[in-house]
C-alpha atoms as a PDB file:
ATOM      1  CA  MET A   1      26.386  45.124 -86.612  1.00  0.00           C
ATOM      2  CA  GLY A   2      27.073  48.738 -87.531  1.00  0.00           C
ATOM      3  CA  GLU A   3      25.555  51.777 -85.920  1.00  0.00           C
ATOM      4  CA  ARG A   4      22.063  52.620 -87.111  1.00  0.00           C
ATOM      5  CA  SER A   5      21.693  56.413 -87.101  1.00  0.00           C
ATOM      6  CA  GLU A   6      18.295  56.533 -88.841  1.00  0.00           C
ATOM      7  CA  MET A   7      15.687  55.228 -86.410  1.00  0.00           C
ATOM      8  CA  ASN A   8      12.015  55.710 -85.734  1.00  0.00           C
ATOM      9  CA  LEU A   9      11.558  54.890 -82.057  1.00  0.00           C
ATOM     10  CA  LEU A  10       8.530  54.466 -79.843  1.00  0.00           C
ATOM     11  CA  VAL A  11       9.742  55.241 -76.332  1.00  0.00           C
ATOM     12  CA  THR A  12       7.171  54.317 -73.701  1.00  0.00           C
ATOM     13  CA  GLY A  13       7.298  56.013 -70.325  1.00  0.00           C
ATOM     14  CA  GLY A  14       9.386  58.781 -71.837  1.00  0.00           C
ATOM     15  CA  ALA A  15       8.141  61.459 -69.438  1.00  0.00           C
ATOM     16  CA  GLY A  16       9.629  59.559 -66.521  1.00  0.00           C
ATOM     17  CA  PHE A  17      13.105  59.909 -65.092  1.00  0.00           C
ATOM     18  CA  ILE A  18      15.205  57.499 -67.171  1.00  0.00           C
ATOM     19  CA  GLY A  19      12.983  57.628 -70.250  1.00  0.00           C
ATOM     20  CA  SER A  20      13.223  61.405 -70.527  1.00  0.00           C
ATOM     21  CA  HIS A  21      17.004  61.285 -70.283  1.00  0.00           C
ATOM     22  CA  PHE A  22      17.092  58.588 -72.963  1.00  0.00           C
ATOM     23  CA  ILE A  23      14.962  60.653 -75.341  1.00  0.00           C
ATOM     24  CA  ARG A  24      17.165  63.683 -74.825  1.00  0.00           C
ATOM     25  CA  TYR A  25      20.299  61.576 -75.312  1.00  0.00           C
ATOM     26  CA  MET A  26      19.073  59.977 -78.556  1.00  0.00           C
ATOM     27  CA  LEU A  27      17.951  63.278 -80.086  1.00  0.00           C
ATOM     28  CA  ALA A  28      21.311  64.845 -79.212  1.00  0.00           C
ATOM     29  CA  THR A  29      23.329  61.876 -80.524  1.00  0.00           C
ATOM     30  CA  TYR A  30      21.558  61.016 -83.788  1.00  0.00           C
ATOM     31  CA  PRO A  31      20.415  63.786 -86.153  1.00  0.00           C
ATOM     32  CA  ASP A  32      18.218  61.349 -88.088  1.00  0.00           C
ATOM     33  CA  VAL A  33      16.411  59.730 -85.163  1.00  0.00           C
ATOM     34  CA  ARG A  34      12.698  60.344 -84.683  1.00  0.00           C
ATOM     35  CA  VAL A  35      11.025  59.648 -81.339  1.00  0.00           C
ATOM     36  CA  ILE A  36       7.399  59.183 -80.346  1.00  0.00           C
ATOM     37  CA  ASN A  37       7.025  59.418 -76.578  1.00  0.00           C
ATOM     38  CA  LEU A  38       4.017  57.518 -75.227  1.00  0.00           C
ATOM     39  CA  ASP A  39       3.380  58.273 -71.563  1.00  0.00           C
ATOM     40  CA  LYS A  40       0.304  58.016 -69.362  1.00  0.00           C
ATOM     41  CA  LEU A  41       1.526  60.901 -67.176  1.00  0.00           C
ATOM     42  CA  THR A  42       1.010  59.193 -63.838  1.00  0.00           C
ATOM     43  CA  TYR A  43       2.296  60.898 -60.693  1.00  0.00           C
ATOM     44  CA  ALA A  44       5.931  60.282 -61.729  1.00  0.00           C
ATOM     45  CA  GLY A  45       5.569  61.548 -65.314  1.00  0.00           C
ATOM     46  CA  ASN A  46       6.468  65.170 -65.913  1.00  0.00           C
ATOM     47  CA  LEU A  47       6.653  66.838 -69.329  1.00  0.00           C
ATOM     48  CA  GLU A  48       8.730  69.662 -67.874  1.00  0.00           C
ATOM     49  CA  THR A  49      11.649  67.238 -67.962  1.00  0.00           C
ATOM     50  CA  LEU A  50      11.502  67.435 -71.773  1.00  0.00           C
ATOM     51  CA  ILE A  51      10.696  71.105 -72.230  1.00  0.00           C
ATOM     52  CA  ASP A  52      14.021  71.610 -74.036  1.00  0.00           C
ATOM     53  CA  VAL A  53      13.047  69.176 -76.824  1.00  0.00           C
ATOM     54  CA  GLN A  54       9.302  69.728 -77.065  1.00  0.00           C
ATOM     55  CA  ASP A  55       9.665  71.905 -80.170  1.00  0.00           C
ATOM     56  CA  ASP A  56      12.078  69.551 -81.926  1.00  0.00           C
ATOM     57  CA  ALA A  57      10.459  68.402 -85.197  1.00  0.00           C
ATOM     58  CA  ARG A  58      11.865  64.911 -84.603  1.00  0.00           C
ATOM     59  CA  TYR A  59       9.984  64.529 -81.308  1.00  0.00           C
ATOM     60  CA  GLU A  60       6.304  63.846 -80.681  1.00  0.00           C
ATOM     61  CA  PHE A  61       4.463  63.331 -77.398  1.00  0.00           C
ATOM     62  CA  VAL A  62       1.325  61.197 -77.116  1.00  0.00           C
ATOM     63  CA  GLN A  63      -0.489  60.866 -73.814  1.00  0.00           C
ATOM     64  CA  GLY A  64      -1.799  57.356 -73.387  1.00  0.00           C
ATOM     65  CA  ASP A  65      -1.630  54.012 -71.643  1.00  0.00           C
ATOM     66  CA  ILE A  66       0.526  51.121 -72.854  1.00  0.00           C
ATOM     67  CA  CYS A  67      -2.403  48.838 -71.976  1.00  0.00           C
ATOM     68  CA  ASP A  68      -4.460  50.561 -74.699  1.00  0.00           C
ATOM     69  CA  ALA A  69      -3.927  48.032 -77.489  1.00  0.00           C
ATOM     70  CA  ALA A  70      -5.541  50.097 -80.257  1.00  0.00           C
ATOM     71  CA  LEU A  71      -3.444  53.179 -79.488  1.00  0.00           C
ATOM     72  CA  VAL A  72      -0.228  51.172 -79.128  1.00  0.00           C
ATOM     73  CA  ASP A  73      -0.821  49.390 -82.437  1.00  0.00           C
ATOM     74  CA  THR A  74      -1.420  52.687 -84.243  1.00  0.00           C
ATOM     75  CA  LEU A  75       1.808  54.176 -82.903  1.00  0.00           C
ATOM     76  CA  ALA A  76       3.755  50.970 -83.500  1.00  0.00           C
ATOM     77  CA  SER A  77       2.815  51.135 -87.185  1.00  0.00           C
ATOM     78  CA  ARG A  78       4.806  54.372 -87.460  1.00  0.00           C
ATOM     79  CA  VAL A  79       8.095  53.151 -85.962  1.00  0.00           C
ATOM     80  CA  ASP A  80      10.612  50.362 -86.418  1.00  0.00           C
ATOM     81  CA  ALA A  81      11.709  49.855 -82.811  1.00  0.00           C
ATOM     82  CA  MET A  82      10.425  50.169 -79.252  1.00  0.00           C
ATOM     83  CA  VAL A  83      12.188  50.901 -75.983  1.00  0.00           C
ATOM     84  CA  ASN A  84       9.908  50.207 -73.032  1.00  0.00           C
ATOM     85  CA  PHE A  85      10.558  52.302 -69.927  1.00  0.00           C
ATOM     86  CA  ALA A  86       6.882  52.453 -68.952  1.00  0.00           C
ATOM     87  CA  ALA A  87       6.525  50.889 -65.516  1.00  0.00           C
ATOM     88  CA  GLU A  88       5.362  51.345 -61.992  1.00  0.00           C
ATOM     89  CA  THR A  89       8.701  51.323 -60.179  1.00  0.00           C
ATOM     90  CA  HIS A  90       8.469  52.225 -56.508  1.00  0.00           C
ATOM     91  CA  VAL A  91       8.835  49.246 -54.176  1.00  0.00           C
ATOM     92  CA  ASP A  92       6.967  50.845 -51.261  1.00  0.00           C
ATOM     93  CA  ARG A  93       3.950  51.629 -53.406  1.00  0.00           C
ATOM     94  CA  SER A  94       3.893  48.024 -54.672  1.00  0.00           C
ATOM     95  CA  ILE A  95       3.763  46.782 -51.090  1.00  0.00           C
ATOM     96  CA  LEU A  96       0.802  49.032 -50.351  1.00  0.00           C
ATOM     97  CA  ASP A  97      -1.071  48.032 -53.547  1.00  0.00           C
ATOM     98  CA  ALA A  98       0.331  45.813 -56.291  1.00  0.00           C
ATOM     99  CA  ALA A  99      -2.561  46.075 -58.772  1.00  0.00           C
ATOM    100  CA  ASP A 100      -1.119  48.877 -60.922  1.00  0.00           C
ATOM    101  CA  PHE A 101       2.253  47.112 -61.011  1.00  0.00           C
ATOM    102  CA  VAL A 102       0.767  43.919 -62.420  1.00  0.00           C
ATOM    103  CA  ARG A 103      -1.348  45.831 -64.928  1.00  0.00           C
ATOM    104  CA  THR A 104       1.378  48.092 -66.281  1.00  0.00           C
ATOM    105  CA  ASN A 105       4.481  45.953 -65.902  1.00  0.00           C
ATOM    106  CA  VAL A 106       2.951  42.684 -67.136  1.00  0.00           C
ATOM    107  CA  GLN A 107      -0.214  43.400 -69.127  1.00  0.00           C
ATOM    108  CA  GLY A 108       1.283  46.557 -70.643  1.00  0.00           C
ATOM    109  CA  THR A 109       4.395  44.671 -71.708  1.00  0.00           C
ATOM    110  CA  TYR A 110       2.203  42.053 -73.404  1.00  0.00           C
ATOM    111  CA  VAL A 111       0.390  44.759 -75.407  1.00  0.00           C
ATOM    112  CA  LEU A 112       3.695  46.273 -76.566  1.00  0.00           C
ATOM    113  CA  LEU A 113       5.123  42.898 -77.548  1.00  0.00           C
ATOM    114  CA  GLU A 114       2.042  42.059 -79.598  1.00  0.00           C
ATOM    115  CA  ALA A 115       2.316  45.360 -81.461  1.00  0.00           C
ATOM    116  CA  ALA A 116       6.046  44.911 -82.093  1.00  0.00           C
ATOM    117  CA  LYS A 117       5.361  41.406 -83.410  1.00  0.00           C
ATOM    118  CA  HIS A 118       2.519  42.602 -85.626  1.00  0.00           C
ATOM    119  CA  HIS A 119       4.611  45.339 -87.230  1.00  0.00           C
ATOM    120  CA  ARG A 120       7.824  43.293 -87.449  1.00  0.00           C
ATOM    121  CA  HIS A 121       9.966  45.744 -85.549  1.00  0.00           C
ATOM    122  CA  TRP A 122      13.719  45.831 -85.946  1.00  0.00           C
ATOM    123  CA  ARG A 123      14.257  45.856 -82.157  1.00  0.00           C
ATOM    124  CA  TYR A 124      12.292  45.693 -78.921  1.00  0.00           C
ATOM    125  CA  VAL A 125      14.197  46.676 -75.754  1.00  0.00           C
ATOM    126  CA  GLN A 126      12.694  45.865 -72.363  1.00  0.00           C
ATOM    127  CA  ILE A 127      14.127  48.057 -69.597  1.00  0.00           C
ATOM    128  CA  SER A 128      14.312  46.094 -66.363  1.00  0.00           C
ATOM    129  CA  THR A 129      16.084  46.143 -63.003  1.00  0.00           C
ATOM    130  CA  ASP A 130      18.667  44.286 -60.943  1.00  0.00           C
ATOM    131  CA  GLU A 131      15.966  43.793 -58.307  1.00  0.00           C
ATOM    132  CA  VAL A 132      14.631  40.772 -60.212  1.00  0.00           C
ATOM    133  CA  TYR A 133      17.632  38.778 -58.956  1.00  0.00           C
ATOM    134  CA  GLY A 134      16.897  39.458 -55.312  1.00  0.00           C
ATOM    135  CA  SER A 135      19.516  39.900 -52.620  1.00  0.00           C
ATOM    136  CA  ILE A 136      23.043  38.511 -52.920  1.00  0.00           C
ATOM    137  CA  ASP A 137      25.468  38.440 -49.992  1.00  0.00           C
ATOM    138  CA  GLN A 138      28.686  38.117 -51.995  1.00  0.00           C
ATOM    139  CA  GLY A 139      29.770  38.309 -55.599  1.00  0.00           C
ATOM    140  CA  ALA A 140      27.508  39.512 -58.394  1.00  0.00           C
ATOM    141  CA  CYS A 141      24.600  38.125 -60.410  1.00  0.00           C
ATOM    142  CA  THR A 142      25.217  37.190 -64.018  1.00  0.00           C
ATOM    143  CA  GLU A 143      22.433  37.274 -66.579  1.00  0.00           C
ATOM    144  CA  GLU A 144      21.937  33.526 -66.017  1.00  0.00           C
ATOM    145  CA  ALA A 145      21.329  33.906 -62.272  1.00  0.00           C
ATOM    146  CA  ARG A 146      18.096  32.598 -60.815  1.00  0.00           C
ATOM    147  CA  LEU A 147      15.328  35.188 -60.537  1.00  0.00           C
ATOM    148  CA  GLN A 148      14.301  35.651 -56.903  1.00  0.00           C
ATOM    149  CA  PRO A 149      12.188  38.819 -56.669  1.00  0.00           C
ATOM    150  CA  THR A 150      10.956  39.618 -53.166  1.00  0.00           C
ATOM    151  CA  SER A 151       8.619  42.576 -53.760  1.00  0.00           C
ATOM    152  CA  PRO A 152       5.528  42.825 -55.961  1.00  0.00           C
ATOM    153  CA  TYR A 153       7.392  45.457 -57.985  1.00  0.00           C
ATOM    154  CA  ALA A 154      10.370  43.189 -58.671  1.00  0.00           C
ATOM    155  CA  ALA A 155       8.089  40.213 -59.377  1.00  0.00           C
ATOM    156  CA  SER A 156       6.117  42.216 -61.936  1.00  0.00           C
ATOM    157  CA  LYS A 157       9.317  43.313 -63.665  1.00  0.00           C
ATOM    158  CA  ALA A 158      10.626  39.741 -63.724  1.00  0.00           C
ATOM    159  CA  SER A 159       7.320  38.647 -65.247  1.00  0.00           C
ATOM    160  CA  GLY A 160       7.609  41.280 -67.976  1.00  0.00           C
ATOM    161  CA  ASP A 161      11.175  40.168 -68.722  1.00  0.00           C
ATOM    162  CA  LEU A 162      10.180  36.519 -69.071  1.00  0.00           C
ATOM    163  CA  LEU A 163       7.252  37.419 -71.287  1.00  0.00           C
ATOM    164  CA  ALA A 164       9.504  39.482 -73.556  1.00  0.00           C
ATOM    165  CA  LEU A 165      12.106  36.723 -73.795  1.00  0.00           C
ATOM    166  CA  SER A 166       9.377  34.204 -74.621  1.00  0.00           C
ATOM    167  CA  TYR A 167       8.414  36.330 -77.644  1.00  0.00           C
ATOM    168  CA  ALA A 168      12.022  36.098 -78.819  1.00  0.00           C
ATOM    169  CA  ALA A 169      12.042  32.309 -78.465  1.00  0.00           C
ATOM    170  CA  THR A 170       8.550  31.592 -79.782  1.00  0.00           C
ATOM    171  CA  PHE A 171       8.017  34.275 -82.421  1.00  0.00           C
ATOM    172  CA  GLY A 172      11.544  35.352 -83.314  1.00  0.00           C
ATOM    173  CA  LEU A 173      10.861  38.900 -82.092  1.00  0.00           C
ATOM    174  CA  PRO A 174      14.225  40.721 -81.796  1.00  0.00           C
ATOM    175  CA  VAL A 175      13.955  41.311 -78.057  1.00  0.00           C
ATOM    176  CA  LEU A 176      16.715  42.601 -75.790  1.00  0.00           C
ATOM    177  CA  VAL A 177      16.402  42.956 -72.010  1.00  0.00           C
ATOM    178  CA  THR A 178      18.512  45.296 -69.877  1.00  0.00           C
ATOM    179  CA  ARG A 179      18.765  45.007 -66.091  1.00  0.00           C
ATOM    180  CA  CYS A 180      20.342  48.041 -64.513  1.00  0.00           C
ATOM    181  CA  SER A 181      21.455  48.935 -61.020  1.00  0.00           C
ATOM    182  CA  ASN A 182      20.128  51.994 -59.149  1.00  0.00           C
ATOM    183  CA  ASN A 183      19.968  55.138 -61.278  1.00  0.00           C
ATOM    184  CA  PHE A 184      20.296  58.712 -60.077  1.00  0.00           C
ATOM    185  CA  GLY A 185      20.637  62.169 -61.553  1.00  0.00           C
ATOM    186  CA  PRO A 186      18.600  65.302 -62.386  1.00  0.00           C
ATOM    187  CA  TYR A 187      14.820  65.098 -62.757  1.00  0.00           C
ATOM    188  CA  GLN A 188      14.391  62.020 -60.558  1.00  0.00           C
ATOM    189  CA  TYR A 189      11.069  62.013 -58.719  1.00  0.00           C
ATOM    190  CA  PRO A 190      11.701  62.804 -55.050  1.00  0.00           C
ATOM    191  CA  GLU A 191      10.481  59.527 -53.615  1.00  0.00           C
ATOM    192  CA  LYS A 192      13.748  57.742 -54.406  1.00  0.00           C
ATOM    193  CA  LEU A 193      16.599  57.775 -51.895  1.00  0.00           C
ATOM    194  CA  ILE A 194      18.977  60.330 -53.401  1.00  0.00           C
ATOM    195  CA  PRO A 195      16.508  63.057 -54.504  1.00  0.00           C
ATOM    196  CA  LEU A 196      14.441  62.575 -51.358  1.00  0.00           C
ATOM    197  CA  CYS A 197      17.475  63.080 -49.145  1.00  0.00           C
ATOM    198  CA  ILE A 198      18.777  66.017 -51.190  1.00  0.00           C
ATOM    199  CA  THR A 199      15.465  67.884 -51.144  1.00  0.00           C
ATOM    200  CA  ASN A 200      14.771  67.084 -47.489  1.00  0.00           C
ATOM    201  CA  THR A 201      18.238  68.363 -46.609  1.00  0.00           C
ATOM    202  CA  LEU A 202      17.610  71.578 -48.530  1.00  0.00           C
ATOM    203  CA  GLU A 203      14.385  71.952 -46.528  1.00  0.00           C
ATOM    204  CA  ASN A 204      16.078  71.034 -43.226  1.00  0.00           C
ATOM    205  CA  LYS A 205      13.675  68.122 -42.842  1.00  0.00           C
ATOM    206  CA  PRO A 206      14.511  64.675 -41.398  1.00  0.00           C
ATOM    207  CA  LEU A 207      16.165  62.203 -43.758  1.00  0.00           C
ATOM    208  CA  PRO A 208      14.354  58.871 -43.259  1.00  0.00           C
ATOM    209  CA  VAL A 209      16.654  55.859 -43.432  1.00  0.00           C
ATOM    210  CA  TYR A 210      15.343  52.303 -43.335  1.00  0.00           C
ATOM    211  CA  GLY A 211      16.565  49.967 -40.610  1.00  0.00           C
ATOM    212  CA  ASP A 212      20.285  50.281 -39.875  1.00  0.00           C
ATOM    213  CA  GLY A 213      21.020  52.051 -43.175  1.00  0.00           C
ATOM    214  CA  LEU A 214      23.493  49.355 -44.251  1.00  0.00           C
ATOM    215  CA  TYR A 215      21.546  48.152 -47.274  1.00  0.00           C
ATOM    216  CA  VAL A 216      23.953  48.131 -50.204  1.00  0.00           C
ATOM    217  CA  ARG A 217      23.124  49.206 -53.735  1.00  0.00           C
ATOM    218  CA  ASP A 218      25.202  49.701 -56.871  1.00  0.00           C
ATOM    219  CA  TRP A 219      24.689  53.158 -58.394  1.00  0.00           C
ATOM    220  CA  ILE A 220      24.959  54.476 -61.944  1.00  0.00           C
ATOM    221  CA  TYR A 221      24.499  57.982 -63.304  1.00  0.00           C
ATOM    222  CA  VAL A 222      21.426  58.098 -65.516  1.00  0.00           C
ATOM    223  CA  VAL A 223      23.231  59.390 -68.616  1.00  0.00           C
ATOM    224  CA  ASP A 224      25.636  56.448 -68.441  1.00  0.00           C
ATOM    225  CA  HIS A 225      22.619  54.150 -68.315  1.00  0.00           C
ATOM    226  CA  CYS A 226      21.238  55.815 -71.456  1.00  0.00           C
ATOM    227  CA  ARG A 227      24.548  55.260 -73.251  1.00  0.00           C
ATOM    228  CA  ALA A 228      24.372  51.593 -72.305  1.00  0.00           C
ATOM    229  CA  ILE A 229      20.800  51.200 -73.555  1.00  0.00           C
ATOM    230  CA  ASP A 230      21.761  52.762 -76.884  1.00  0.00           C
ATOM    231  CA  LEU A 231      24.670  50.346 -77.173  1.00  0.00           C
ATOM    232  CA  VAL A 232      22.405  47.358 -76.494  1.00  0.00           C
ATOM    233  CA  LEU A 233      19.825  48.665 -78.973  1.00  0.00           C
ATOM    234  CA  GLN A 234      22.456  49.060 -81.681  1.00  0.00           C
ATOM    235  CA  GLN A 235      24.833  46.168 -81.050  1.00  0.00           C
ATOM    236  CA  GLY A 236      23.241  43.745 -78.599  1.00  0.00           C
ATOM    237  CA  GLN A 237      22.584  40.128 -79.535  1.00  0.00           C
ATOM    238  CA  VAL A 238      18.843  39.682 -79.910  1.00  0.00           C
ATOM    239  CA  GLY A 239      17.234  37.379 -77.377  1.00  0.00           C
ATOM    240  CA  SER A 240      19.861  38.307 -74.798  1.00  0.00           C
ATOM    241  CA  ILE A 241      19.873  39.969 -71.398  1.00  0.00           C
ATOM    242  CA  TYR A 242      22.411  42.665 -70.512  1.00  0.00           C
ATOM    243  CA  ASN A 243      23.208  43.650 -66.944  1.00  0.00           C
ATOM    244  CA  ILE A 244      24.232  47.290 -66.570  1.00  0.00           C
ATOM    245  CA  GLY A 245      26.139  48.096 -63.393  1.00  0.00           C
ATOM    246  CA  GLY A 246      27.811  51.257 -62.224  1.00  0.00           C
ATOM    247  CA  ASP A 247      30.674  49.641 -60.262  1.00  0.00           C
ATOM    248  CA  SER A 248      29.774  51.936 -57.370  1.00  0.00           C
ATOM    249  CA  GLU A 249      28.426  49.925 -54.450  1.00  0.00           C
ATOM    250  CA  ARG A 250      27.548  52.016 -51.415  1.00  0.00           C
ATOM    251  CA  PRO A 251      25.606  51.451 -48.186  1.00  0.00           C
ATOM    252  CA  ASN A 252      22.608  53.768 -48.125  1.00  0.00           C
ATOM    253  CA  ILE A 253      23.793  55.500 -44.971  1.00  0.00           C
ATOM    254  CA  ASP A 254      27.069  56.511 -46.654  1.00  0.00           C
ATOM    255  CA  ILE A 255      25.145  58.230 -49.420  1.00  0.00           C
ATOM    256  CA  VAL A 256      22.934  60.050 -46.937  1.00  0.00           C
ATOM    257  CA  ARG A 257      25.994  61.268 -45.027  1.00  0.00           C
ATOM    258  CA  ALA A 258      27.707  62.390 -48.243  1.00  0.00           C
ATOM    259  CA  ILE A 259      24.660  64.490 -49.152  1.00  0.00           C
ATOM    260  CA  LEU A 260      24.628  66.094 -45.708  1.00  0.00           C
ATOM    261  CA  GLN A 261      28.345  66.798 -45.905  1.00  0.00           C
ATOM    262  CA  THR A 262      28.121  68.375 -49.364  1.00  0.00           C
ATOM    263  CA  LEU A 263      25.249  70.621 -48.242  1.00  0.00           C
ATOM    264  CA  ALA A 264      26.908  71.370 -44.877  1.00  0.00           C
ATOM    265  CA  ARG A 265      24.040  70.042 -42.786  1.00  0.00           C
ATOM    266  CA  PRO A 266      24.301  68.079 -39.529  1.00  0.00           C
ATOM    267  CA  GLU A 267      23.905  64.303 -39.273  1.00  0.00           C
ATOM    268  CA  SER A 268      21.244  64.953 -36.634  1.00  0.00           C
ATOM    269  CA  LEU A 269      18.846  65.235 -39.612  1.00  0.00           C
ATOM    270  CA  ILE A 270      19.136  61.453 -40.117  1.00  0.00           C
ATOM    271  CA  SER A 271      16.060  59.620 -38.820  1.00  0.00           C
ATOM    272  CA  TYR A 272      16.082  55.829 -38.740  1.00  0.00           C
ATOM    273  CA  VAL A 273      12.604  54.464 -39.513  1.00  0.00           C
ATOM    274  CA  LYS A 274      10.866  51.093 -39.416  1.00  0.00           C
ATOM    275  CA  ASP A 275      12.341  48.752 -42.008  1.00  0.00           C
ATOM    276  CA  ARG A 276      10.610  47.812 -45.243  1.00  0.00           C
ATOM    277  CA  ALA A 277       9.045  44.348 -45.465  1.00  0.00           C
ATOM    278  CA  ALA A 278      11.337  41.757 -47.116  1.00  0.00           C
ATOM    279  CA  HIS A 279      14.024  44.389 -47.638  1.00  0.00           C
ATOM    280  CA  ASP A 280      16.829  42.982 -49.823  1.00  0.00           C
ATOM    281  CA  ARG A 281      20.209  43.505 -48.181  1.00  0.00           C
ATOM    282  CA  ARG A 282      22.407  43.882 -51.248  1.00  0.00           C
ATOM    283  CA  TYR A 283      22.080  43.996 -55.037  1.00  0.00           C
ATOM    284  CA  ALA A 284      25.025  43.465 -57.368  1.00  0.00           C
ATOM    285  CA  VAL A 285      25.252  42.551 -61.042  1.00  0.00           C
ATOM    286  CA  CYS A 286      28.084  41.328 -63.216  1.00  0.00           C
ATOM    287  CA  SER A 287      28.390  43.624 -66.252  1.00  0.00           C
ATOM    288  CA  ASP A 288      30.948  41.624 -68.237  1.00  0.00           C
ATOM    289  CA  ARG A 289      28.541  41.002 -71.113  1.00  0.00           C
ATOM    290  CA  ILE A 290      27.901  44.682 -71.842  1.00  0.00           C
ATOM    291  CA  ALA A 291      31.552  45.507 -71.154  1.00  0.00           C
ATOM    292  CA  ALA A 292      32.357  43.190 -74.064  1.00  0.00           C
ATOM    293  CA  LEU A 293      30.351  45.564 -76.265  1.00  0.00           C
ATOM    294  CA  GLY A 294      32.627  48.384 -75.127  1.00  0.00           C
ATOM    295  CA  PHE A 295      30.602  49.929 -72.306  1.00  0.00           C
ATOM    296  CA  GLN A 296      32.084  51.384 -69.149  1.00  0.00           C
ATOM    297  CA  PRO A 297      30.458  54.021 -66.915  1.00  0.00           C
ATOM    298  CA  ALA A 298      32.020  57.393 -67.706  1.00  0.00           C
ATOM    299  CA  MET A 299      30.882  59.451 -64.707  1.00  0.00           C
ATOM    300  CA  PRO A 300      32.556  58.654 -61.348  1.00  0.00           C
ATOM    301  CA  PHE A 301      30.045  58.270 -58.550  1.00  0.00           C
ATOM    302  CA  GLU A 302      31.323  61.194 -56.471  1.00  0.00           C
ATOM    303  CA  ASP A 303      31.252  63.578 -59.447  1.00  0.00           C
ATOM    304  CA  ALA A 304      27.788  62.410 -60.449  1.00  0.00           C
ATOM    305  CA  LEU A 305      26.467  62.827 -56.906  1.00  0.00           C
ATOM    306  CA  ASP A 306      27.874  66.374 -56.690  1.00  0.00           C
ATOM    307  CA  THR A 307      26.316  67.196 -60.073  1.00  0.00           C
ATOM    308  CA  THR A 308      22.973  65.819 -58.919  1.00  0.00           C
ATOM    309  CA  ILE A 309      23.028  67.654 -55.588  1.00  0.00           C
ATOM    310  CA  HIS A 310      23.795  70.969 -57.230  1.00  0.00           C
ATOM    311  CA  TRP A 311      21.107  70.405 -59.863  1.00  0.00           C
ATOM    312  CA  TYR A 312      18.453  70.048 -57.154  1.00  0.00           C
ATOM    313  CA  GLU A 313      19.897  73.091 -55.372  1.00  0.00           C
ATOM    314  CA  ASN A 314      19.426  75.143 -58.531  1.00  0.00           C
ATOM    315  CA  HIS A 315      16.093  73.697 -59.689  1.00  0.00           C
ATOM    316  CA  GLU A 316      13.766  74.112 -56.757  1.00  0.00           C
ATOM    317  CA  VAL A 317      11.177  75.359 -59.243  1.00  0.00           C
ATOM    318  CA  TRP A 318      11.026  71.787 -60.586  1.00  0.00           C
ATOM    319  CA  TRP A 319      10.819  69.745 -57.373  1.00  0.00           C
ATOM    320  CA  ARG A 320       9.068  72.144 -54.983  1.00  0.00           C
ATOM    321  CA  PRO A 321       5.581  71.787 -56.580  1.00  0.00           C
ATOM    322  CA  ILE A 322       5.928  68.016 -56.450  1.00  0.00           C
ATOM    323  CA  LYS A 323       6.652  67.967 -52.744  1.00  0.00           C
ATOM    324  CA  ASP A 324       4.188  70.704 -51.832  1.00  0.00           C
ATOM    325  CA  GLY A 325       1.369  69.312 -53.966  1.00  0.00           C
ATOM    326  CA  THR A 326       0.902  65.660 -54.849  1.00  0.00           C
ATOM    327  CA  PHE A 327       3.922  64.373 -52.976  1.00  0.00           C
ATOM    328  CA  GLN A 328       2.665  61.673 -50.574  1.00  0.00           C
ATOM    329  CA  HIS A 329       5.662  59.581 -49.712  1.00  0.00           C
ATOM    330  CA  TYR A 330       5.740  56.351 -47.797  1.00  0.00           C
ATOM    331  CA  TYR A 331       8.984  57.249 -46.058  1.00  0.00           C
ATOM    332  CA  GLU A 332       7.489  60.451 -44.686  1.00  0.00           C
ATOM    333  CA  ARG A 333       4.303  58.691 -43.584  1.00  0.00           C
ATOM    334  CA  GLN A 334       6.481  56.213 -41.717  1.00  0.00           C
ATOM    335  CA  TYR A 335       8.350  59.052 -40.050  1.00  0.00           C
ATOM    336  CA  GLN A 336       5.191  60.910 -39.059  1.00  0.00           C
ATOM    337  CA  GLN A 337       3.722  57.759 -37.513  1.00  0.00           C
ATOM    338  CA  ARG A 338       6.650  57.196 -35.159  1.00  0.00           C
END
């Protein structure tokens, strides 16, 4: 299938971290793309991440909930494809209260699928996570691997994936599912490991690390992830799942130490905290299927981490209000309770 440069996209959750990067990437790559961004603006949504495109005539923002069927149907009538980033994503918050995760990640996905089916969309892309596979000691999970989610967050994402794939099988909806490894980069909400540790280091605050710090994750720079999603949207085989890995496995503690080293801060800032319940030891995905489409990560991990660190150094105006205002993070509560 050839590249489709003229697209009318509904991007849900586009004010979040990955969604905002994807919108910016698509507008920069395709002169004839038009994007409607539907976002509820929960705690992790921030329109300042898209301030550079807000006046672009090809871009429109609508504040709303993907569970609002009437609103979703109206917007779906104006586009020919959907990319669904809208999700509750933080594992710790799902452990504290899973209700919003089930509502958004499962019920919201159902509403979007119904609208895409009704309006006979050209593509529907469900953005998912490697966490649906659960922990793996050795090797890497292929797209056919058994789903073994261990947190309410991962279970809700797995449920949304299965629902989307069922619409492909039952109704012929042109669904594609992507499951990516851990993303990082500018504009990431500072509850995730890398931005939390960068901003805490800049503030000379303790860097909370779960357990022994040897939990292994594969990391990918967010712009590389956006390139991969575009490739799946344009060239992926409908009804298929595509793993997207960064080929950059690292123990969490190594990343924390690299941040401290780059910012010339002492390792005494590291604070080991009580481990998370049912904490998966290692995630790893096999990316052969998307590699066959021609995708390889372009940004080496070390370069991407340096870029990310320096972005947070130079954009305190973006993250400082988050941490000084509404920022109530589970890691920090754990630390304060010790």
